[in-house]
Amino acid sequence: MITSDSIEEFRKYLVSGRWEEDFDYRTPDGQAEMLDMLEALFDLCETADEILTKKLYRNMRGEGSEKNPSVGAIPSGS
């Protein structure tokens, strides 16, 4: 399972410029591996977006609220 900490660590690795430095020092095979990893990350993000979008649309239509009626409910007195 991916943790929030590992995602944050990878984000910092990317924005720090270290990913680019590591890429420049790699052989062509190593560079291809790094690019494949980023492509897999993009695919993962697309899948997560699709799942989240479906879930949000179901909640907006009121579907699935039978399972947990308090989810998205507005407290009384608000």
C-alpha atoms as a PDB file:
ATOM      1  CA  MET A   1       0.000   0.000   0.000  1.00  0.00           C
ATOM      2  CA  ILE A   2       1.206   3.480  -0.860  1.00  0.00           C
ATOM      3  CA  THR A   3       1.368   5.855   2.077  1.00  0.00           C
ATOM      4  CA  SER A   4       0.850   9.610   2.150  1.00  0.00           C
ATOM      5  CA  ASP A   5       4.431   9.947   3.336  1.00  0.00           C
ATOM      6  CA  SER A   6       5.823   8.029   0.348  1.00  0.00           C
ATOM      7  CA  ILE A   7       3.766  10.136  -2.068  1.00  0.00           C
ATOM      8  CA  GLU A   8       5.003  13.335  -0.420  1.00  0.00           C
ATOM      9  CA  GLU A   9       8.581  12.079  -0.486  1.00  0.00           C
ATOM     10  CA  PHE A  10       8.332  11.353  -4.218  1.00  0.00           C
ATOM     11  CA  ARG A  11       6.742  14.765  -4.862  1.00  0.00           C
ATOM     12  CA  LYS A  12       9.633  16.463  -3.081  1.00  0.00           C
ATOM     13  CA  TYR A  13      12.092  14.347  -5.099  1.00  0.00           C
ATOM     14  CA  LEU A  14      10.485  15.567  -8.326  1.00  0.00           C
ATOM     15  CA  VAL A  15      10.238  19.270  -7.454  1.00  0.00           C
ATOM     16  CA  SER A  16      13.748  19.394  -5.989  1.00  0.00           C
ATOM     17  CA  GLY A  17      15.280  18.631  -9.375  1.00  0.00           C
ATOM     18  CA  ARG A  18      16.896  15.442  -8.120  1.00  0.00           C
ATOM     19  CA  TRP A  19      14.761  13.351 -10.498  1.00  0.00           C
ATOM     20  CA  GLU A  20      16.170  15.287 -13.460  1.00  0.00           C
ATOM     21  CA  GLU A  21      19.725  14.943 -12.142  1.00  0.00           C
ATOM     22  CA  ASP A  22      19.292  11.216 -11.640  1.00  0.00           C
ATOM     23  CA  PHE A  23      17.786  10.925 -15.112  1.00  0.00           C
ATOM     24  CA  ASP A  24      20.797  12.663 -16.697  1.00  0.00           C
ATOM     25  CA  TYR A  25      23.226  10.258 -15.013  1.00  0.00           C
ATOM     26  CA  ARG A  26      21.344   7.105 -16.044  1.00  0.00           C
ATOM     27  CA  THR A  27      22.063   4.902 -19.007  1.00  0.00           C
ATOM     28  CA  PRO A  28      19.400   4.886 -21.740  1.00  0.00           C
ATOM     29  CA  ASP A  29      17.898   1.752 -20.144  1.00  0.00           C
ATOM     30  CA  GLY A  30      17.806   3.472 -16.749  1.00  0.00           C
ATOM     31  CA  GLN A  31      16.207   6.545 -18.286  1.00  0.00           C
ATOM     32  CA  ALA A  32      13.547   4.378 -19.931  1.00  0.00           C
ATOM     33  CA  GLU A  33      12.842   2.773 -16.560  1.00  0.00           C
ATOM     34  CA  MET A  34      12.399   6.186 -14.924  1.00  0.00           C
ATOM     35  CA  LEU A  35      10.057   7.313 -17.711  1.00  0.00           C
ATOM     36  CA  ASP A  36       8.074   4.068 -17.413  1.00  0.00           C
ATOM     37  CA  MET A  37       7.684   4.735 -13.697  1.00  0.00           C
ATOM     38  CA  LEU A  38       6.259   8.211 -14.363  1.00  0.00           C
ATOM     39  CA  GLU A  39       3.938   6.796 -17.015  1.00  0.00           C
ATOM     40  CA  ALA A  40       2.689   4.233 -14.486  1.00  0.00           C
ATOM     41  CA  LEU A  41       2.118   7.086 -12.025  1.00  0.00           C
ATOM     42  CA  PHE A  42       0.073   8.994 -14.620  1.00  0.00           C
ATOM     43  CA  ASP A  43      -1.988   5.850 -15.277  1.00  0.00           C
ATOM     44  CA  LEU A  44      -2.548   5.452 -11.536  1.00  0.00           C
ATOM     45  CA  CYS A  45      -3.709   9.071 -11.250  1.00  0.00           C
ATOM     46  CA  GLU A  46      -6.134   8.618 -14.158  1.00  0.00           C
ATOM     47  CA  THR A  47      -7.584   5.500 -12.525  1.00  0.00           C
ATOM     48  CA  ALA A  48      -7.918   7.265  -9.171  1.00  0.00           C
ATOM     49  CA  ASP A  49      -9.604  10.219 -10.893  1.00  0.00           C
ATOM     50  CA  GLU A  50     -12.101   7.924 -12.639  1.00  0.00           C
ATOM     51  CA  ILE A  51     -12.970   6.167  -9.379  1.00  0.00           C
ATOM     52  CA  LEU A  52     -13.299   9.418  -7.449  1.00  0.00           C
ATOM     53  CA  THR A  53     -15.421  10.995 -10.189  1.00  0.00           C
ATOM     54  CA  LYS A  54     -17.798   8.008 -10.223  1.00  0.00           C
ATOM     55  CA  LYS A  55     -18.044   8.110  -6.427  1.00  0.00           C
ATOM     56  CA  LEU A  56     -18.740  11.857  -6.369  1.00  0.00           C
ATOM     57  CA  TYR A  57     -21.410  11.585  -9.061  1.00  0.00           C
ATOM     58  CA  ARG A  58     -23.094   8.737  -7.189  1.00  0.00           C
ATOM     59  CA  ASN A  59     -23.073  10.811  -3.989  1.00  0.00           C
ATOM     60  CA  MET A  60     -24.402  13.879  -5.801  1.00  0.00           C
ATOM     61  CA  ARG A  61     -27.301  11.788  -7.132  1.00  0.00           C
ATOM     62  CA  GLY A  62     -27.921  10.419  -3.641  1.00  0.00           C
ATOM     63  CA  GLU A  63     -26.919   6.887  -4.569  1.00  0.00           C
ATOM     64  CA  GLY A  64     -25.149   4.836  -1.965  1.00  0.00           C
ATOM     65  CA  SER A  65     -26.381   7.016   0.881  1.00  0.00           C
ATOM     66  CA  GLU A  66     -28.237   4.017   2.311  1.00  0.00           C
ATOM     67  CA  LYS A  67     -24.906   2.533   3.354  1.00  0.00           C
ATOM     68  CA  ASN A  68     -23.914   5.546   5.459  1.00  0.00           C
ATOM     69  CA  PRO A  69     -26.689   8.134   5.700  1.00  0.00           C
ATOM     70  CA  SER A  70     -24.539  10.561   7.701  1.00  0.00           C
ATOM     71  CA  VAL A  71     -22.004  10.972   4.873  1.00  0.00           C
ATOM     72  CA  GLY A  72     -22.494  14.379   3.317  1.00  0.00           C
ATOM     73  CA  ALA A  73     -25.378  15.211   5.631  1.00  0.00           C
ATOM     74  CA  ILE A  74     -25.714  18.775   6.829  1.00  0.00           C
ATOM     75  CA  PRO A  75     -25.963  18.949  10.629  1.00  0.00           C
ATOM     76  CA  SER A  76     -29.249  20.340  11.928  1.00  0.00           C
ATOM     77  CA  GLY A  77     -29.133  23.905  13.138  1.00  0.00           C
ATOM     78  CA  SER A  78     -26.810  24.986  10.336  1.00  0.00           C
END
